[in-house]
Structure formats: C-alpha cells, structure tokens
C-alpha cells in the first residue's frame, strides 16, 4: 500500500473518525451538508417503471428533480401517502413500489414540474 493511500479511521483520543472530513464521527458535518446540497439537474423530471434486479417486483423511479435530499424526502412522503404505497429515496432518486407512472406524472405537473 502506498503512503498516500492511507487515511485515519480510528484514533484512541477521539474514537471513530469520518473518512471524508477527518473530524470525529460525533462532530462530523458531512451528512448535514449532503442533505442540504442540491444536485445538478437538467430541470426535466423523468419517470420510469423498472423491474430489473428486483425479482420481478416493479418500481416507479423519479429522477431529475432539482431538490435537496430533505425536500426529496418530503415529496416522497407526500407521493407515498397519495398513492398508498411504500418507497424510498436513494441517491436523489425517488423509488415508489408498483406502477404509478401516470398518477405520479399528474401529481408532479400540479406541483409545477415539467415531465
């Protein structure tokens, strides 16, 4: 292993250390910054239905929303309540269980997004 590839993971003085910022885990701000960051988006929202890698179970995926992680979580919660389904937010993509492309499209257009 090269000396430039090493990084501090644990210190006996402070305990676990964040690999990104190098601060102790209890005072790390990386997670907060990531939740407030807005990704680069083209402004066009894309909705697709996907079954690949899910053992035949389908998911509706919503990508391209210019929102922070916190705002995506709020929007996902509203959509899940409207549709009566489960889902999650992963890597700035809203995943909803089942095929809800048309309903999601109508809901997002009411909110002012171009699809």
Protein backbone atom coordinates (compact mmCIF):
# COMPACT_ATOMS: atom_id res chain seq x y z
CA UNK A 1 0.00 0.00 0.00
CA UNK A 2 1.29 3.45 -0.88
CA UNK A 3 1.69 6.00 1.90
CA UNK A 4 -0.57 8.49 0.05
CA UNK A 5 -3.46 5.99 0.06
CA UNK A 6 -3.69 5.68 3.83
CA UNK A 7 -6.24 7.55 5.93
CA UNK A 8 -7.10 7.73 9.61
CA UNK A 9 -10.08 5.56 10.57
CA UNK A 10 -9.84 5.41 14.36
CA UNK A 11 -7.99 7.43 16.97
CA UNK A 12 -7.55 6.45 20.60
CA UNK A 13 -8.07 10.09 21.60
CA UNK A 14 -11.34 10.82 19.78
CA UNK A 15 -12.61 7.40 18.63
CA UNK A 16 -14.04 6.84 15.15
CA UNK A 17 -13.10 9.42 12.51
CA UNK A 18 -15.10 10.45 9.43
CA UNK A 19 -13.25 9.36 6.27
CA UNK A 20 -14.46 12.39 4.28
CA UNK A 21 -13.78 15.38 6.53
CA UNK A 22 -11.34 13.83 9.04
CA UNK A 23 -13.31 15.04 12.07
CA UNK A 24 -14.54 12.78 14.89
CA UNK A 25 -17.80 10.99 13.97
CA UNK A 26 -19.81 12.78 16.68
CA UNK A 27 -18.87 16.24 15.31
CA UNK A 28 -18.91 15.36 11.60
CA UNK A 29 -20.97 17.68 9.40
CA UNK A 30 -20.71 15.73 6.12
CA UNK A 31 -24.18 14.16 6.44
CA UNK A 32 -25.84 17.52 7.11
CA UNK A 33 -24.09 19.12 4.13
CA UNK A 34 -25.13 16.25 1.86
CA UNK A 35 -28.78 16.53 2.93
CA UNK A 36 -28.86 20.25 2.09
CA UNK A 37 -26.93 20.03 -1.19
CA UNK A 38 -28.91 20.30 -4.42
CA UNK A 39 -27.66 18.10 -7.27
CA UNK A 40 -27.10 19.38 -10.80
CA UNK A 41 -30.32 18.63 -12.67
CA UNK A 42 -31.46 19.44 -16.18
CA UNK A 43 -34.88 20.52 -14.93
CA UNK A 44 -36.67 17.73 -16.78
CA UNK A 45 -38.19 15.20 -14.46
CA UNK A 46 -38.03 11.62 -15.71
CA UNK A 47 -40.43 8.92 -14.56
CA UNK A 48 -39.89 5.28 -15.47
CA UNK A 49 -41.08 1.85 -14.42
CA UNK A 50 -38.34 -0.68 -13.75
CA UNK A 51 -38.30 -4.34 -12.73
CA UNK A 52 -34.63 -5.17 -13.35
CA UNK A 53 -32.80 -6.53 -10.31
CA UNK A 54 -35.90 -6.65 -8.13
CA UNK A 55 -37.02 -10.27 -8.60
CA UNK A 56 -39.92 -9.23 -10.83
CA UNK A 57 -41.23 -6.57 -8.45
CA UNK A 58 -41.75 -3.27 -10.21
CA UNK A 59 -40.70 0.16 -9.01
CA UNK A 60 -41.56 3.61 -10.31
CA UNK A 61 -38.40 5.73 -10.39
CA UNK A 62 -38.47 9.54 -10.40
CA UNK A 63 -35.21 11.27 -11.36
CA UNK A 64 -34.08 14.75 -12.34
CA UNK A 65 -35.76 16.69 -9.54
CA UNK A 66 -33.70 19.78 -8.59
CA UNK A 67 -34.33 19.32 -4.86
CA UNK A 68 -32.17 18.71 -1.81
CA UNK A 69 -32.27 15.37 0.00
CA UNK A 70 -34.59 16.78 2.68
CA UNK A 71 -37.02 18.16 0.09
CA UNK A 72 -36.96 14.84 -1.79
CA UNK A 73 -37.84 13.02 1.41
CA UNK A 74 -40.82 15.35 1.95
CA UNK A 75 -42.01 14.96 -1.65
CA UNK A 76 -41.62 11.17 -1.47
CA UNK A 77 -43.68 11.10 1.71
CA UNK A 78 -46.49 13.07 0.04
CA UNK A 79 -46.47 10.83 -3.02
CA UNK A 80 -46.47 7.65 -0.92
CA UNK A 81 -49.46 8.93 1.05
CA UNK A 82 -51.36 9.89 -2.11
CA UNK A 83 -50.72 6.54 -3.76
CA UNK A 84 -50.98 4.35 -0.68
CA UNK A 85 -47.69 2.61 -1.40
CA UNK A 86 -44.21 2.22 0.00
CA UNK A 87 -40.97 3.60 -1.30
CA UNK A 88 -37.66 5.24 -0.54
CA UNK A 89 -35.21 7.94 -1.63
CA UNK A 90 -31.81 6.69 -2.76
CA UNK A 91 -29.10 8.82 -4.40
CA UNK A 92 -31.51 11.65 -5.28
CA UNK A 93 -33.96 9.18 -6.90
CA UNK A 94 -37.45 8.63 -5.52
CA UNK A 95 -38.44 4.95 -5.69
CA UNK A 96 -42.10 4.00 -5.32
CA UNK A 97 -43.35 0.43 -5.16
CA UNK A 98 -45.59 -0.52 -8.07
CA UNK A 99 -46.51 1.03 -11.42
CA UNK A 100 -47.70 4.59 -10.69
CA UNK A 101 -46.21 6.47 -13.66
CA UNK A 102 -49.42 8.21 -14.77
CA UNK A 103 -50.55 9.18 -11.28
CA UNK A 104 -47.10 10.49 -10.35
CA UNK A 105 -46.94 12.43 -13.61
CA UNK A 106 -50.23 14.18 -12.84
CA UNK A 107 -49.19 14.95 -9.27
CA UNK A 108 -45.85 16.43 -10.28
CA UNK A 109 -47.40 18.53 -13.05
CA UNK A 110 -49.80 20.01 -10.47
CA UNK A 111 -46.72 20.96 -8.44
CA UNK A 112 -45.23 22.75 -11.47
CA UNK A 113 -42.57 20.32 -12.72
CA UNK A 114 -42.03 19.65 -16.43
CA UNK A 115 -42.02 15.97 -17.24
